[in-house]
Amino acid sequence: MDTAKAMVTAMDTVKKLGNQEPEKHKLINSERQGVVVLFSRSVCGILCISWSLSAFSGQVERGYGLHVRKAFTDNSCLSPTDKKPEWYTTITPTLNLKGVGARSSFSVLAAVEGNSLTDYDGCSSVRGGDVHKISPRLKADGNVDLYSNFLYLDGSAYIAQNAINPFIASGDNAINRTDNINTTYNFNISPYIQHRFGRAAEVYARYRFDYQDNTESSVDDNERHSANASLSSVPGTSRLSWTLSGNYQKIYYSNGNTQDDDYVIANAYFQLNYSLTRKWSVYASTGEDFNDFVSEDSDIDGSTWTAGISWVPTPRTSIEVGTGNRFFGSTPTLNITHRHKFSDFRFSYDKILTFTSDLRNFDQFFQFVDENGDPVLNPDGELILISQNQTTLTRSPIVDERVSVSYNWTRRRTSVSLKASRSDQLRLEDNINTVFSNYTVGVSRKLSQKLTLNGRLSYRETDVPEEYKELGLDPGQIVQNSEVYSAYIGFSRNLGVKTSVNAGYTFVDRSSELAEDEYQENRFTVGINMTW
């Protein structure tokens, strides 16, 4: 009971720390506040139950860290004129928990970064001179087997920073005076059943409740109710398998300044899969969309179909090619994965219907792993980064046509990472599309057992059509094309098993069609990392 109370208190404290300048934040009515509290406590309860069960079985791994850094920037305003050079300090405690019990499991990755910057009225940047002083970050998941082989319960919590308006400067971290940083709190809880009836069929049904709260009023809060159910053949019993499935989700947006809205996306389909050989298989499906939302086009429903082929020549390689059609057009798919002893390659291309709330949570902030495969924060000793997975400000569903490529190579003392993505997002409320592109190359080289050199080059581009610039995002919002180049070089040195020091230099060059939105920044950091 004490553990549960402590975790609930900790979650409430983190949320309060992230809410800077409450006068700018919208007020949620008391009923919805009750939902948020109840929901966050439910998620914490799941994690507490998992923790208790795991602790009882003795299979809990705990890790703690403290990162202290001193940094200098020659442009804390991210402005082309009033740059304001400044020294500041950051302190970041971190927490890493993993547990597996007889009927439960959980993982918690958390960090809270605080900085010493103060508000300043002299910035001439596009938005202002206020500082985002506290940056909480959380990724937590828990699962409980409530009734063996039948009833389960999932819960998760996610907290991260992202840009309010993706078309103007926000920096690559939350420590600047652009006043263009939003913190997203996302919580969900999901009971589901899964059961096999011998070798005849398998049934699956899930309900999920999501709540997303944003610190800035420009980004709407929302809650979502989702349900999906399927009846399928038991895998591995025959070359021919089948699935009958239905999906429903209703998202409700709330904002104290605008009218509340809700949108519904639903579909049902029947799919057949046939294994030609152990390496080749084909699939086809047919179904129907049932949607209810505001759109430029009246046709938002209709028949759907997909067809594709899959090839798995080795356990390390898989290729899937498919096509299809929905009410918004063709839905091609291409997925390639290949793992080698020293490398990993992934390519994906798809076209899906989604919401901005999903896109804001799309990035994986804890994608780096240590030699044991455990996620770590700030592997290069850098500041906590904000999400660069940009999206527009809209309540409308979005058709996201996305290409993603990643390649990682590691051998002996050298590691190379290549990542690229291009997201073409079409807003269905007005049929206006924007394109967000990101490209990154990273290199890490161990110069000795204790000394590691790290480097990275990045390029980010936002492409906006002319009619979108004229329309604008919202009253008072700015919409412009932009390009951002950034380079980082740094080193880390181990002083002991659990202590290391690091130093780094970052250069950022942003160009934009709006002259006041262009800037260059030089940033130096030195720090010490301690774990136990």
Protein backbone atom coordinates (compact mmCIF):
# COMPACT_ATOMS: atom_id res chain seq x y z
CA MET A 1 0.00 0.00 0.00
CA ASP A 2 2.84 2.41 0.82
CA THR A 3 4.45 1.65 -2.54
CA ALA A 4 1.21 2.38 -4.40
CA LYS A 5 0.76 5.67 -2.58
CA ALA A 6 4.35 6.64 -3.32
CA MET A 7 4.01 5.96 -7.04
CA VAL A 8 0.72 7.88 -7.29
CA THR A 9 2.28 10.82 -5.45
CA ALA A 10 5.32 10.70 -7.73
CA MET A 11 3.16 10.79 -10.87
CA ASP A 12 1.18 13.77 -9.56
CA THR A 13 4.43 15.55 -8.64
CA VAL A 14 5.95 15.01 -12.10
CA LYS A 15 2.85 16.42 -13.77
CA LYS A 16 2.87 19.48 -11.53
CA LEU A 17 6.56 20.08 -12.26
CA GLY A 18 5.88 20.01 -16.01
CA ASN A 19 3.10 22.57 -15.80
CA GLN A 20 5.00 25.85 -15.95
CA GLU A 21 3.08 29.12 -16.21
CA PRO A 22 -0.41 27.84 -15.37
CA GLU A 23 -2.00 31.08 -16.53
CA LYS A 24 -1.28 30.00 -20.11
CA HIS A 25 -2.81 26.61 -19.74
CA LYS A 26 -6.43 25.87 -20.39
CA LEU A 27 -8.78 24.90 -17.60
CA ILE A 28 -10.34 21.47 -17.75
CA ASN A 29 -13.77 21.13 -16.18
CA SER A 30 -13.99 19.30 -12.87
CA GLU A 31 -15.56 16.22 -14.42
CA ARG A 32 -12.64 15.74 -16.81
CA GLN A 33 -10.13 16.48 -14.08
CA GLY A 34 -11.70 13.64 -12.16
CA VAL A 35 -11.26 11.38 -15.17
CA VAL A 36 -7.58 12.34 -15.47
CA VAL A 37 -6.89 11.70 -11.77
CA LEU A 38 -8.78 8.42 -11.77
CA PHE A 39 -7.11 7.33 -14.96
CA SER A 40 -3.56 8.21 -13.93
CA ARG A 41 -4.10 6.49 -10.62
CA SER A 42 -5.38 3.41 -12.45
CA VAL A 43 -2.23 3.27 -14.54
CA CYS A 44 -0.08 3.72 -11.46
CA GLY A 45 -2.11 1.00 -9.77
CA ILE A 46 -1.29 -1.43 -12.55
CA LEU A 47 2.39 -0.67 -12.24
CA CYS A 48 2.20 -0.98 -8.45
CA ILE A 49 0.49 -4.36 -8.68
CA SER A 50 3.12 -5.51 -11.15
CA TRP A 51 5.89 -4.17 -8.94
CA SER A 52 4.51 -5.93 -5.88
CA LEU A 53 4.13 -9.27 -7.67
CA SER A 54 7.55 -8.96 -9.26
CA ALA A 55 9.17 -7.98 -5.98
CA PHE A 56 7.59 -11.00 -4.34
CA SER A 57 9.18 -13.28 -6.94
CA GLY A 58 12.49 -11.44 -6.59
CA GLN A 59 12.82 -10.56 -10.31
CA VAL A 60 13.15 -6.80 -10.21
CA GLU A 61 16.00 -4.78 -11.70
CA ARG A 62 16.46 -1.22 -10.48
CA GLY A 63 18.73 1.46 -11.85
CA TYR A 64 19.18 5.09 -10.83
CA GLY A 65 21.18 7.91 -12.33
CA LEU A 66 22.10 11.54 -11.87
CA HIS A 67 23.37 13.72 -14.72
CA VAL A 68 24.75 17.19 -13.97
CA ARG A 69 25.86 19.47 -16.81
CA LYS A 70 27.20 22.93 -17.36
CA ALA A 71 26.36 24.42 -20.75
CA PHE A 72 27.03 27.56 -22.75
CA THR A 73 24.95 28.78 -25.69
CA ASP A 74 25.66 31.87 -27.76
CA ASN A 75 21.96 32.18 -28.69
CA SER A 76 19.51 31.28 -25.95
CA CYS A 77 16.74 33.21 -27.77
CA LEU A 78 17.31 31.27 -31.04
CA SER A 79 17.07 34.65 -32.73
CA PRO A 80 18.92 36.10 -35.75
CA THR A 81 19.57 39.37 -33.88
CA ASP A 82 19.11 39.29 -30.08
CA LYS A 83 21.09 36.12 -29.45
CA LYS A 84 21.81 36.60 -25.72
CA PRO A 85 24.84 34.36 -24.88
CA GLU A 86 24.37 32.54 -21.57
CA TRP A 87 25.75 29.91 -19.22
CA TYR A 88 23.30 27.56 -17.50
CA THR A 89 23.22 24.34 -15.49
CA THR A 90 21.05 21.24 -15.90
CA ILE A 91 20.35 18.52 -13.35
CA THR A 92 18.67 15.31 -14.52
CA PRO A 93 17.80 12.42 -12.18
CA THR A 94 16.85 9.19 -13.98
CA LEU A 95 15.09 5.98 -13.05
CA ASN A 96 15.07 2.57 -14.77
CA LEU A 97 12.93 -0.29 -13.44
CA LYS A 98 12.17 -3.68 -14.96
CA GLY A 99 10.29 -6.52 -13.34
CA VAL A 100 8.82 -9.88 -14.27
CA GLY A 101 6.55 -11.78 -11.92
CA ALA A 102 4.70 -15.05 -12.23
CA ARG A 103 1.66 -13.26 -13.69
CA SER A 104 2.85 -9.72 -14.32
CA SER A 105 5.57 -7.58 -15.84
CA PHE A 106 6.45 -3.91 -15.96
CA SER A 107 9.09 -1.44 -17.12
CA VAL A 108 9.67 2.19 -16.16
CA LEU A 109 12.06 4.63 -17.81
CA ALA A 110 11.92 8.14 -16.35
CA ALA A 111 13.89 11.37 -16.24
CA VAL A 112 13.26 14.94 -15.09
CA GLU A 113 15.54 17.66 -16.42
CA GLY A 114 15.69 21.01 -14.65
CA ASN A 115 17.66 24.02 -15.88
CA SER A 116 18.79 27.35 -14.46
CA LEU A 117 17.66 29.62 -17.32
CA THR A 118 15.37 32.51 -16.35
CA ASP A 119 12.66 34.30 -18.34
CA TYR A 120 13.84 37.18 -20.49
CA ASP A 121 11.79 39.85 -22.30
CA GLY A 122 14.49 40.96 -24.75
CA CYS A 123 14.21 38.12 -27.26
CA SER A 124 13.07 39.09 -30.75
CA SER A 125 12.26 35.55 -31.84
CA VAL A 126 8.91 34.72 -33.43
CA ARG A 127 7.16 33.62 -30.24
CA GLY A 128 8.71 35.11 -27.11
CA GLY A 129 11.29 34.76 -24.36
CA ASP A 130 9.79 32.38 -21.80
CA VAL A 131 11.70 29.31 -20.61
CA HIS A 132 10.57 25.71 -20.25
CA LYS A 133 12.36 25.10 -16.93
CA ILE A 134 11.27 21.55 -16.13
CA SER A 135 11.22 18.73 -18.71
CA PRO A 136 9.78 15.44 -17.40
CA ARG A 137 10.16 12.33 -19.53
CA LEU A 138 8.45 8.99 -18.84
CA LYS A 139 7.81 5.71 -20.59
CA ALA A 140 6.12 3.11 -18.40
CA ASP A 141 4.33 -0.13 -19.25
CA GLY A 142 2.68 -2.77 -17.09
CA ASN A 143 0.78 -6.01 -17.72
CA VAL A 144 -1.16 -8.21 -15.29
CA ASP A 145 -2.59 -11.68 -15.96
CA LEU A 146 -5.89 -11.38 -14.08
CA TYR A 147 -7.25 -14.80 -15.03
CA SER A 148 -4.84 -17.34 -16.48
CA ASN A 149 -4.97 -17.68 -20.29
CA PHE A 150 -8.11 -15.57 -20.52
CA LEU A 151 -8.26 -12.08 -18.93
CA TYR A 152 -5.42 -9.54 -18.94
CA LEU A 153 -4.88 -5.88 -18.12
CA ASP A 154 -2.38 -3.47 -19.72
CA GLY A 155 -1.50 0.05 -18.70
CA SER A 156 1.07 2.60 -19.80
CA ALA A 157 2.13 6.19 -19.27
CA TYR A 158 4.10 8.42 -21.59
CA ILE A 159 5.44 11.95 -21.05
CA ALA A 160 7.54 13.87 -23.57
CA GLN A 161 8.26 17.30 -25.05
CA ASN A 162 7.38 18.39 -28.59
CA ALA A 163 7.04 21.56 -30.64
CA ILE A 164 3.75 23.48 -30.47
CA ASN A 165 4.06 24.89 -33.97
CA PRO A 166 6.34 22.72 -36.16
CA PHE A 167 6.77 25.50 -38.72
CA ILE A 168 8.77 27.86 -36.50
CA ALA A 169 11.91 27.43 -34.38
CA SER A 170 11.70 25.27 -31.28
CA GLY A 171 15.30 24.13 -30.95
CA ASP A 172 16.50 20.54 -30.61
CA ASN A 173 16.01 20.60 -26.83
CA ALA A 174 13.68 22.31 -24.40
CA ILE A 175 16.24 24.79 -23.06
CA ASN A 176 15.70 28.00 -25.03
CA ARG A 177 13.47 31.07 -25.07
CA THR A 178 11.29 30.35 -28.11
CA ASP A 179 8.25 29.57 -25.94
CA ASN A 180 7.42 26.90 -28.52
CA ILE A 181 7.63 23.81 -26.29
CA ASN A 182 4.69 21.65 -25.26
CA THR A 183 4.73 18.74 -22.81
CA THR A 184 2.40 15.86 -23.59
CA TYR A 185 1.10 13.57 -20.85
CA ASN A 186 -0.43 10.40 -22.23
CA PHE A 187 -1.98 7.63 -20.11
CA ASN A 188 -3.92 4.53 -21.10
CA ILE A 189 -5.47 1.44 -19.57
CA SER A 190 -6.65 -1.59 -21.51
CA PRO A 191 -8.36 -4.78 -20.34
CA TYR A 192 -8.53 -7.60 -22.90
CA ILE A 193 -9.37 -11.26 -23.27
CA GLN A 194 -7.55 -13.84 -25.36
CA HIS A 195 -8.48 -17.49 -25.47
CA ARG A 196 -8.08 -20.53 -27.70
CA PHE A 197 -10.83 -23.05 -28.23
CA GLY A 198 -8.61 -26.07 -28.79
CA ARG A 199 -7.46 -26.14 -32.41
CA ALA A 200 -10.73 -24.68 -33.70
CA ALA A 201 -10.36 -20.92 -33.22
CA GLU A 202 -8.87 -18.11 -31.18
CA VAL A 203 -10.87 -15.18 -29.80
CA TYR A 204 -9.46 -11.78 -28.92
CA ALA A 205 -11.25 -8.69 -27.60
CA ARG A 206 -9.78 -5.48 -26.19
CA TYR A 207 -11.05 -2.17 -24.81
CA ARG A 208 -8.66 0.74 -24.37
CA PHE A 209 -9.07 4.16 -22.79
CA ASP A 210 -6.48 6.87 -23.58
CA TYR A 211 -6.20 10.33 -22.12
CA GLN A 212 -3.77 12.94 -23.43
CA ASP A 213 -3.15 16.22 -21.64
CA ASN A 214 -1.00 19.00 -23.14
CA THR A 215 0.45 21.91 -21.20
CA GLU A 216 -0.20 24.43 -23.98
CA SER A 217 -3.71 25.52 -24.96
CA SER A 218 -2.81 25.49 -28.69
CA VAL A 219 -2.54 21.71 -28.48
CA ASP A 220 -5.93 20.17 -27.68
CA ASP A 221 -6.43 17.71 -24.87
CA ASN A 222 -8.21 14.56 -25.91
CA GLU A 223 -9.57 11.28 -24.66
CA ARG A 224 -10.11 8.19 -26.76
CA HIS A 225 -12.25 5.08 -26.42
CA SER A 226 -11.12 2.17 -28.58
CA ALA A 227 -12.36 -1.37 -29.03
CA ASN A 228 -11.32 -4.18 -31.30
CA ALA A 229 -12.34 -7.82 -31.50
CA SER A 230 -11.32 -10.71 -33.71
CA LEU A 231 -12.07 -14.35 -34.30
CA SER A 232 -9.33 -16.26 -36.09
CA SER A 233 -7.95 -19.67 -36.82
CA VAL A 234 -5.27 -21.03 -34.52
CA PRO A 235 -1.80 -20.23 -35.91
CA GLY A 236 0.22 -23.19 -37.18
CA THR A 237 -2.69 -25.60 -37.57
CA SER A 238 -3.06 -25.24 -41.33
CA ARG A 239 -1.52 -23.56 -44.37
CA LEU A 240 -4.73 -21.57 -44.75
CA SER A 241 -5.53 -19.18 -41.91
CA TRP A 242 -8.32 -16.64 -41.53
CA THR A 243 -9.26 -13.65 -39.39
CA LEU A 244 -12.56 -11.82 -38.89
CA SER A 245 -11.93 -8.48 -37.18
CA GLY A 246 -13.67 -5.26 -36.20
CA ASN A 247 -12.14 -2.00 -34.92
CA TYR A 248 -13.69 1.12 -33.42
CA GLN A 249 -12.21 4.30 -31.95
CA LYS A 250 -13.81 7.56 -30.89
CA ILE A 251 -11.62 10.50 -29.99
CA TYR A 252 -12.98 13.48 -28.09
CA TYR A 253 -11.16 16.84 -28.15
CA SER A 254 -11.57 19.48 -25.47
CA ASN A 255 -10.23 23.03 -25.27
CA GLY A 256 -11.45 25.90 -23.13
CA ASN A 257 -11.23 28.29 -26.08
CA THR A 258 -13.01 26.33 -28.82
CA GLN A 259 -15.97 24.04 -29.32
CA ASP A 260 -15.53 20.43 -28.25
CA ASP A 261 -15.49 17.86 -31.06
CA ASP A 262 -15.49 14.10 -31.44
CA TYR A 263 -14.43 11.91 -34.36
CA VAL A 264 -15.12 8.25 -35.10
CA ILE A 265 -13.02 5.82 -37.14
CA ALA A 266 -14.28 2.26 -37.48
CA ASN A 267 -13.85 -0.68 -39.84
CA ALA A 268 -14.50 -4.39 -40.22
CA TYR A 269 -12.68 -6.83 -42.47
CA PHE A 270 -12.10 -10.49 -43.28
CA GLN A 271 -8.58 -11.67 -44.16
CA LEU A 272 -7.17 -14.91 -45.57
CA ASN A 273 -3.53 -15.97 -45.37
CA TYR A 274 -2.04 -18.89 -47.27
CA SER A 275 1.46 -20.32 -46.79
CA LEU A 276 2.76 -21.43 -50.17
CA THR A 277 5.98 -22.75 -48.63
CA ARG A 278 7.87 -22.20 -45.42
CA LYS A 279 9.34 -19.05 -46.97
CA TRP A 280 6.51 -17.68 -49.11
CA SER A 281 2.99 -16.66 -48.12
CA VAL A 282 0.21 -14.52 -49.58
CA TYR A 283 -2.70 -12.67 -48.03
CA ALA A 284 -5.85 -10.84 -49.09
CA SER A 285 -8.62 -9.04 -47.23
CA THR A 286 -11.87 -7.24 -47.87
CA GLY A 287 -13.85 -4.99 -45.57
CA GLU A 288 -15.74 -1.78 -44.96
CA ASP A 289 -14.95 1.62 -43.37
CA PHE A 290 -17.52 3.30 -41.08
CA ASN A 291 -16.35 6.81 -40.19
CA ASP A 292 -17.80 10.00 -38.78
CA PHE A 293 -15.68 13.15 -38.92
CA VAL A 294 -15.44 16.54 -40.63
CA SER A 295 -13.84 16.29 -44.07
CA GLU A 296 -13.40 18.30 -47.25
CA ASP A 297 -14.74 15.27 -49.14
CA SER A 298 -18.14 13.78 -48.48
CA ASP A 299 -16.88 10.26 -49.21
CA ILE A 300 -15.32 9.09 -45.93
CA ASP A 301 -16.70 5.53 -45.94
CA GLY A 302 -16.63 2.67 -48.36
CA SER A 303 -15.22 -0.72 -49.22
CA THR A 304 -11.61 -1.60 -48.50
CA TRP A 305 -9.30 -4.32 -49.72
CA THR A 306 -5.67 -5.39 -49.38
CA ALA A 307 -3.46 -8.00 -51.01
CA GLY A 308 0.17 -8.85 -50.58
CA ILE A 309 2.97 -11.36 -50.48
CA SER A 310 5.57 -12.14 -47.82
CA TRP A 311 8.99 -13.74 -48.26
CA VAL A 312 11.14 -14.92 -45.35
CA PRO A 313 14.26 -16.47 -46.94
CA THR A 314 16.12 -16.73 -43.61
CA PRO A 315 15.27 -16.13 -39.95
CA ARG A 316 17.20 -12.86 -40.24
CA THR A 317 15.50 -11.51 -43.37
CA SER A 318 11.89 -10.73 -44.21
CA ILE A 319 10.22 -8.82 -47.06
CA GLU A 320 6.54 -7.90 -47.38
CA VAL A 321 4.99 -6.19 -50.42
CA GLY A 322 1.33 -5.25 -50.55
CA THR A 323 -1.26 -2.93 -51.98
CA GLY A 324 -4.84 -1.99 -51.27
CA ASN A 325 -7.47 0.72 -51.37
CA ARG A 326 -9.49 2.75 -48.87
CA PHE A 327 -11.74 5.79 -49.16
CA PHE A 328 -8.70 8.11 -49.29
CA GLY A 329 -6.97 6.21 -52.11
CA SER A 330 -4.39 3.48 -52.58
CA THR A 331 -2.60 1.96 -49.57
CA PRO A 332 0.70 0.45 -50.73
CA THR A 333 2.98 -1.30 -48.24
CA LEU A 334 6.63 -2.32 -48.31
CA ASN A 335 8.50 -3.65 -45.28
CA ILE A 336 12.05 -5.00 -45.30
CA THR A 337 14.13 -6.16 -42.34
CA HIS A 338 17.56 -7.73 -42.42
CA ARG A 339 19.81 -8.57 -39.48
CA HIS A 340 23.46 -9.47 -39.85
CA LYS A 341 26.07 -10.34 -37.29
CA PHE A 342 27.30 -6.76 -37.29
CA SER A 343 24.41 -4.79 -38.80
CA ASP A 344 20.68 -4.21 -38.84
CA PHE A 345 18.65 -2.76 -41.75
CA ARG A 346 14.99 -1.72 -41.70
CA PHE A 347 12.82 -0.13 -44.37
CA SER A 348 9.12 0.62 -44.20
CA TYR A 349 6.65 2.41 -46.43
CA ASP A 350 2.94 2.66 -45.69
CA LYS A 351 -0.05 4.95 -45.89
CA ILE A 352 -2.35 4.97 -42.86
CA LEU A 353 -5.20 6.94 -41.30
CA THR A 354 -4.24 8.43 -37.94
CA PHE A 355 -4.50 11.44 -35.60
CA THR A 356 -2.03 14.12 -34.54
CA SER A 357 -2.20 12.79 -30.97
CA ASP A 358 -0.69 9.52 -32.25
CA LEU A 359 1.96 11.31 -34.29
CA ARG A 360 3.09 13.35 -31.30
CA ASN A 361 3.81 10.09 -29.49
CA PHE A 362 5.27 8.30 -32.51
CA ASP A 363 8.96 8.92 -31.80
CA GLN A 364 10.87 6.43 -29.71
CA PHE A 365 12.81 8.56 -27.24
CA PHE A 366 14.49 5.59 -25.57
CA GLN A 367 15.84 3.97 -28.73
CA PHE A 368 19.45 3.77 -27.50
CA VAL A 369 20.63 0.67 -25.64
CA ASP A 370 23.72 -0.20 -23.67
CA GLU A 371 25.86 -3.31 -23.93
CA ASN A 372 23.22 -5.28 -22.00
CA GLY A 373 20.39 -4.17 -24.29
CA ASP A 374 18.86 -1.88 -21.68
CA PRO A 375 17.53 1.57 -22.75
CA VAL A 376 19.58 4.52 -21.57
CA LEU A 377 19.13 8.28 -21.63
CA ASN A 378 21.47 10.80 -23.22
CA PRO A 379 24.09 8.37 -24.55
CA ASP A 380 26.25 11.24 -25.79
CA GLY A 381 25.88 13.30 -22.64
CA GLU A 382 23.47 15.65 -24.39
CA LEU A 383 20.41 17.48 -23.11
CA ILE A 384 16.99 15.84 -23.24
CA LEU A 385 15.78 16.21 -26.83
CA ILE A 386 12.29 17.18 -27.91
CA SER A 387 10.36 15.17 -30.46
CA GLN A 388 11.28 15.95 -34.04
CA ASN A 389 8.41 13.82 -35.34
CA GLN A 390 6.44 16.85 -36.43
CA THR A 391 2.76 17.16 -37.19
CA THR A 392 0.27 19.95 -37.83
CA LEU A 393 -2.18 21.44 -35.36
CA THR A 394 -5.54 19.93 -36.28
CA ARG A 395 -8.30 17.80 -34.81
CA SER A 396 -8.96 16.24 -38.19
CA PRO A 397 -7.80 12.72 -39.04
CA ILE A 398 -4.60 12.69 -41.07
CA VAL A 399 -3.51 10.41 -43.90
CA ASP A 400 0.16 9.79 -43.10
CA GLU A 401 2.22 8.49 -46.04
CA ARG A 402 5.57 7.65 -44.47
CA VAL A 403 8.92 6.25 -45.60
CA SER A 404 11.40 5.24 -42.90
CA VAL A 405 14.89 3.77 -43.31
CA SER A 406 17.44 2.85 -40.66
CA TYR A 407 20.79 1.12 -40.79
CA ASN A 408 23.02 0.32 -37.82
CA TRP A 409 26.48 -1.20 -38.09
CA THR A 410 28.72 -2.14 -35.17
CA ARG A 411 32.06 -3.91 -35.25
CA ARG A 412 34.75 -3.94 -32.63
CA ARG A 413 35.17 -0.34 -31.51
CA THR A 414 33.13 1.49 -34.16
CA SER A 415 29.38 2.02 -34.55
CA VAL A 416 27.58 3.75 -37.42
CA SER A 417 23.89 4.71 -37.49
CA LEU A 418 21.91 6.03 -40.47
CA LYS A 419 18.29 7.13 -40.13
CA ALA A 420 15.93 8.80 -42.58
CA SER A 421 12.20 9.47 -42.67
CA ARG A 422 9.78 11.37 -44.87
CA SER A 423 6.19 11.94 -43.73
CA ASP A 424 3.62 13.37 -46.16
CA GLN A 425 0.62 14.33 -44.03
CA LEU A 426 -2.77 15.14 -45.59
CA ARG A 427 -5.34 16.89 -43.39
CA LEU A 428 -8.76 15.52 -44.35
CA GLU A 429 -10.60 18.61 -43.08
CA ASP A 430 -9.19 20.75 -45.92
CA ASN A 431 -7.07 18.39 -48.10
CA ILE A 432 -3.88 20.36 -47.42
CA ASN A 433 -0.68 18.37 -47.10
CA THR A 434 2.66 19.12 -45.48
CA VAL A 435 5.89 17.14 -45.74
CA PHE A 436 8.31 16.62 -42.84
CA SER A 437 11.72 15.07 -43.59
CA ASN A 438 14.48 14.01 -41.18
CA TYR A 439 17.95 12.59 -41.94
CA THR A 440 20.62 11.65 -39.41
CA VAL A 441 24.09 10.07 -39.54
CA GLY A 442 25.80 9.11 -36.30
CA VAL A 443 29.23 7.63 -35.58
CA SER A 444 30.72 6.35 -32.33
CA ARG A 445 34.32 5.21 -31.92
CA LYS A 446 35.97 3.76 -28.81
CA LEU A 447 39.44 5.28 -28.71
CA SER A 448 40.33 3.22 -25.66
CA GLN A 449 38.62 1.16 -22.99
CA LYS A 450 37.63 4.35 -21.19
CA LEU A 451 37.39 7.00 -23.92
CA THR A 452 34.65 7.17 -26.60
CA LEU A 453 34.27 9.73 -29.40
CA ASN A 454 30.75 10.50 -30.75
CA GLY A 455 29.63 12.50 -33.77
CA ARG A 456 26.36 13.23 -35.56
CA LEU A 457 25.08 15.17 -38.57
CA SER A 458 21.36 15.93 -39.00
CA TYR A 459 19.15 17.61 -41.57
CA ARG A 460 15.47 18.45 -41.11
CA GLU A 461 13.13 20.01 -43.66
CA THR A 462 9.53 21.24 -43.56
CA ASP A 463 7.76 21.71 -46.90
CA VAL A 464 4.47 23.64 -46.91
CA PRO A 465 2.31 24.32 -50.01
CA GLU A 466 1.57 27.93 -50.92
CA GLU A 467 -2.16 27.64 -50.26
CA TYR A 468 -1.42 26.40 -46.75
CA LYS A 469 0.67 29.48 -46.01
CA GLU A 470 -2.21 31.70 -47.08
CA LEU A 471 -4.75 29.74 -45.04
CA GLY A 472 -2.61 29.54 -41.94
CA LEU A 473 -2.73 26.90 -39.27
CA ASP A 474 -4.92 28.76 -36.80
CA PRO A 475 -5.47 32.48 -36.20
CA GLY A 476 -2.10 33.95 -35.27
CA GLN A 477 -0.10 30.88 -36.31
CA ILE A 478 2.82 31.09 -38.71
CA VAL A 479 3.31 28.58 -41.52
CA GLN A 480 6.58 28.66 -43.49
CA ASN A 481 9.10 26.35 -45.18
CA SER A 482 12.30 25.75 -43.25
CA GLU A 483 15.54 23.77 -43.18
CA VAL A 484 17.68 22.91 -40.17
CA TYR A 485 21.25 21.60 -40.26
CA SER A 486 22.92 20.45 -37.08
CA ALA A 487 26.26 18.86 -36.17
CA TYR A 488 27.48 17.37 -32.89
CA ILE A 489 30.85 16.10 -31.74
CA GLY A 490 31.74 15.02 -28.24
CA PHE A 491 33.45 12.47 -26.08
CA SER A 492 32.77 10.53 -22.91
CA ARG A 493 35.32 9.07 -20.52
CA ASN A 494 34.63 6.46 -17.86
CA LEU A 495 36.07 7.35 -14.47
CA GLY A 496 34.80 4.12 -12.98
CA VAL A 497 32.19 1.45 -13.46
CA LYS A 498 29.34 3.80 -12.59
CA THR A 499 30.76 7.26 -13.25
CA SER A 500 31.67 9.05 -16.47
CA VAL A 501 32.37 12.57 -17.69
CA ASN A 502 31.50 14.02 -21.08
CA ALA A 503 31.96 17.12 -23.19
CA GLY A 504 30.38 18.12 -26.47
CA TYR A 505 29.87 20.83 -29.06
CA THR A 506 26.68 21.36 -31.11
CA PHE A 507 26.17 23.69 -34.06
CA VAL A 508 22.68 24.44 -35.44
CA ASP A 509 21.85 26.46 -38.57
CA ARG A 510 18.20 27.14 -39.36
CA SER A 511 17.01 28.82 -42.58
CA SER A 512 13.41 29.87 -43.14
CA GLU A 513 11.23 31.90 -45.49
CA LEU A 514 10.57 34.08 -42.45
CA ALA A 515 13.74 36.07 -41.71
CA GLU A 516 12.92 36.46 -37.99
CA ASP A 517 12.74 32.66 -37.71
CA GLU A 518 16.30 32.02 -38.89
CA TYR A 519 19.14 31.52 -36.43
CA GLN A 520 22.50 29.93 -35.73
CA GLU A 521 23.55 28.47 -32.40
CA ASN A 522 26.83 27.24 -30.95
CA ARG A 523 26.46 25.18 -27.78
CA PHE A 524 29.09 23.65 -25.51
CA THR A 525 28.34 21.19 -22.69
CA VAL A 526 30.40 19.43 -20.03
CA GLY A 527 28.93 17.05 -17.52
CA ILE A 528 29.21 14.14 -15.18
CA ASN A 529 26.99 11.04 -15.19
CA MET A 530 26.55 8.76 -12.19
CA THR A 531 24.56 5.53 -12.03
CA TRP A 532 23.90 3.05 -9.27
